[in-house]
Amino acid sequence: MPVQPAETFYELIVIPRARKTEFQMENNIIRIKINTAPEKGKANKKILDLLAKELKIPRNNITMVKGEFSRHKVVRIISGPG
């Protein structure tokens, strides 16, 4: 029987316009300081790119499911086969 991919949801707390970009993970909460302004989705794109890089997973395995216009966000990450 094939193994199904696993879905995990993480809460993000984002601080835009920071001096430098930082990534910190505690349990299922990820704190991100990002040096991009939250304009026209630029910060959200950079957040998802940063998550893919830090977690070493393909960018298309990460989806923002809540908080597109908020500092508190929820992302879904698919890992495993698939």
C-alpha atoms as a PDB file:
ATOM      1  CA  MET A   1       0.000   0.000   0.000  1.00  0.00           C
ATOM      2  CA  PRO A   2       1.491   3.406  -0.957  1.00  0.00           C
ATOM      3  CA  VAL A   3       2.359   5.885   1.783  1.00  0.00           C
ATOM      4  CA  GLN A   4       0.218   9.029   1.737  1.00  0.00           C
ATOM      5  CA  PRO A   5       1.789  12.490   2.076  1.00  0.00           C
ATOM      6  CA  ALA A   6       1.450  14.087   5.505  1.00  0.00           C
ATOM      7  CA  GLU A   7      -0.184  17.473   6.040  1.00  0.00           C
ATOM      8  CA  THR A   8       0.988  19.722   8.845  1.00  0.00           C
ATOM      9  CA  PHE A   9      -0.390  23.129   9.774  1.00  0.00           C
ATOM     10  CA  TYR A  10       1.824  25.803  11.300  1.00  0.00           C
ATOM     11  CA  GLU A  11       0.908  29.118  12.854  1.00  0.00           C
ATOM     12  CA  LEU A  12       3.093  32.003  11.694  1.00  0.00           C
ATOM     13  CA  ILE A  13       3.700  35.222  13.539  1.00  0.00           C
ATOM     14  CA  VAL A  14       5.183  37.701  11.081  1.00  0.00           C
ATOM     15  CA  ILE A  15       6.940  40.994  11.731  1.00  0.00           C
ATOM     16  CA  PRO A  16       7.259  42.918   8.445  1.00  0.00           C
ATOM     17  CA  ARG A  17       9.728  45.731   7.756  1.00  0.00           C
ATOM     18  CA  ALA A  18      12.334  44.268  10.137  1.00  0.00           C
ATOM     19  CA  ARG A  19      15.996  45.228   9.847  1.00  0.00           C
ATOM     20  CA  LYS A  20      16.885  41.725   8.743  1.00  0.00           C
ATOM     21  CA  THR A  21      15.118  38.493   7.919  1.00  0.00           C
ATOM     22  CA  GLU A  22      15.040  35.950  10.755  1.00  0.00           C
ATOM     23  CA  PHE A  23      13.382  32.548  11.193  1.00  0.00           C
ATOM     24  CA  GLN A  24      12.585  30.925  14.547  1.00  0.00           C
ATOM     25  CA  MET A  25      10.568  27.741  15.105  1.00  0.00           C
ATOM     26  CA  GLU A  26       9.026  26.617  18.415  1.00  0.00           C
ATOM     27  CA  ASN A  27       6.694  23.608  18.370  1.00  0.00           C
ATOM     28  CA  ASN A  28       4.096  24.394  15.668  1.00  0.00           C
ATOM     29  CA  ILE A  29       4.621  28.176  15.853  1.00  0.00           C
ATOM     30  CA  ILE A  30       7.027  29.891  13.478  1.00  0.00           C
ATOM     31  CA  ARG A  31       8.153  33.464  14.101  1.00  0.00           C
ATOM     32  CA  ILE A  32       9.434  35.302  11.060  1.00  0.00           C
ATOM     33  CA  LYS A  33      10.960  38.745  10.884  1.00  0.00           C
ATOM     34  CA  ILE A  34      11.044  39.855   7.286  1.00  0.00           C
ATOM     35  CA  ASN A  35      12.668  42.909   5.750  1.00  0.00           C
ATOM     36  CA  THR A  36       9.954  43.313   3.107  1.00  0.00           C
ATOM     37  CA  ALA A  37       6.983  45.663   3.338  1.00  0.00           C
ATOM     38  CA  PRO A  38       3.543  44.017   3.223  1.00  0.00           C
ATOM     39  CA  GLU A  39       2.606  45.503  -0.155  1.00  0.00           C
ATOM     40  CA  LYS A  40       0.968  43.718  -3.092  1.00  0.00           C
ATOM     41  CA  GLY A  41       1.721  40.265  -1.693  1.00  0.00           C
ATOM     42  CA  LYS A  42       5.512  40.741  -1.787  1.00  0.00           C
ATOM     43  CA  ALA A  43       5.951  39.859   1.896  1.00  0.00           C
ATOM     44  CA  ASN A  44       3.734  36.763   1.625  1.00  0.00           C
ATOM     45  CA  LYS A  45       5.743  35.489  -1.337  1.00  0.00           C
ATOM     46  CA  LYS A  46       9.008  36.062   0.507  1.00  0.00           C
ATOM     47  CA  ILE A  47       7.612  34.303   3.608  1.00  0.00           C
ATOM     48  CA  LEU A  48       6.682  31.200   1.606  1.00  0.00           C
ATOM     49  CA  ASP A  49      10.057  31.199  -0.173  1.00  0.00           C
ATOM     50  CA  LEU A  50      11.848  31.511   3.175  1.00  0.00           C
ATOM     51  CA  LEU A  51       9.839  28.627   4.665  1.00  0.00           C
ATOM     52  CA  ALA A  52      10.728  26.392   1.715  1.00  0.00           C
ATOM     53  CA  LYS A  53      14.415  27.243   2.087  1.00  0.00           C
ATOM     54  CA  GLU A  54      14.556  26.835   5.892  1.00  0.00           C
ATOM     55  CA  LEU A  55      12.508  23.609   5.960  1.00  0.00           C
ATOM     56  CA  LYS A  56      14.262  22.224   2.850  1.00  0.00           C
ATOM     57  CA  ILE A  57      11.050  21.350   1.031  1.00  0.00           C
ATOM     58  CA  PRO A  58       9.702  22.321  -2.414  1.00  0.00           C
ATOM     59  CA  ARG A  59       7.956  25.707  -2.489  1.00  0.00           C
ATOM     60  CA  ASN A  60       4.844  24.187  -4.098  1.00  0.00           C
ATOM     61  CA  ASN A  61       4.342  22.019  -0.963  1.00  0.00           C
ATOM     62  CA  ILE A  62       3.513  25.128   1.100  1.00  0.00           C
ATOM     63  CA  THR A  63       0.144  26.886   0.998  1.00  0.00           C
ATOM     64  CA  MET A  64      -1.060  29.873   3.009  1.00  0.00           C
ATOM     65  CA  VAL A  65      -4.527  28.933   4.259  1.00  0.00           C
ATOM     66  CA  LYS A  66      -5.307  31.837   6.586  1.00  0.00           C
ATOM     67  CA  GLY A  67      -4.152  35.380   7.305  1.00  0.00           C
ATOM     68  CA  GLU A  68      -3.137  36.685   3.898  1.00  0.00           C
ATOM     69  CA  PHE A  69      -3.557  40.278   5.151  1.00  0.00           C
ATOM     70  CA  SER A  70      -2.629  39.658   8.793  1.00  0.00           C
ATOM     71  CA  ARG A  71       0.541  39.242  10.845  1.00  0.00           C
ATOM     72  CA  HIS A  72      -0.926  35.993  12.185  1.00  0.00           C
ATOM     73  CA  LYS A  73      -1.025  33.398   9.429  1.00  0.00           C
ATOM     74  CA  VAL A  74      -1.556  29.658   9.041  1.00  0.00           C
ATOM     75  CA  VAL A  75       0.275  27.604   6.435  1.00  0.00           C
ATOM     76  CA  ARG A  76      -0.203  24.023   5.322  1.00  0.00           C
ATOM     77  CA  ILE A  77       2.902  22.008   4.547  1.00  0.00           C
ATOM     78  CA  ILE A  78       2.745  18.717   2.680  1.00  0.00           C
ATOM     79  CA  SER A  79       5.635  16.342   3.255  1.00  0.00           C
ATOM     80  CA  GLY A  80       6.445  12.823   2.264  1.00  0.00           C
ATOM     81  CA  PRO A  81       5.821  11.048  -1.061  1.00  0.00           C
ATOM     82  CA  GLY A  82       3.970  12.818  -3.780  1.00  0.00           C
END
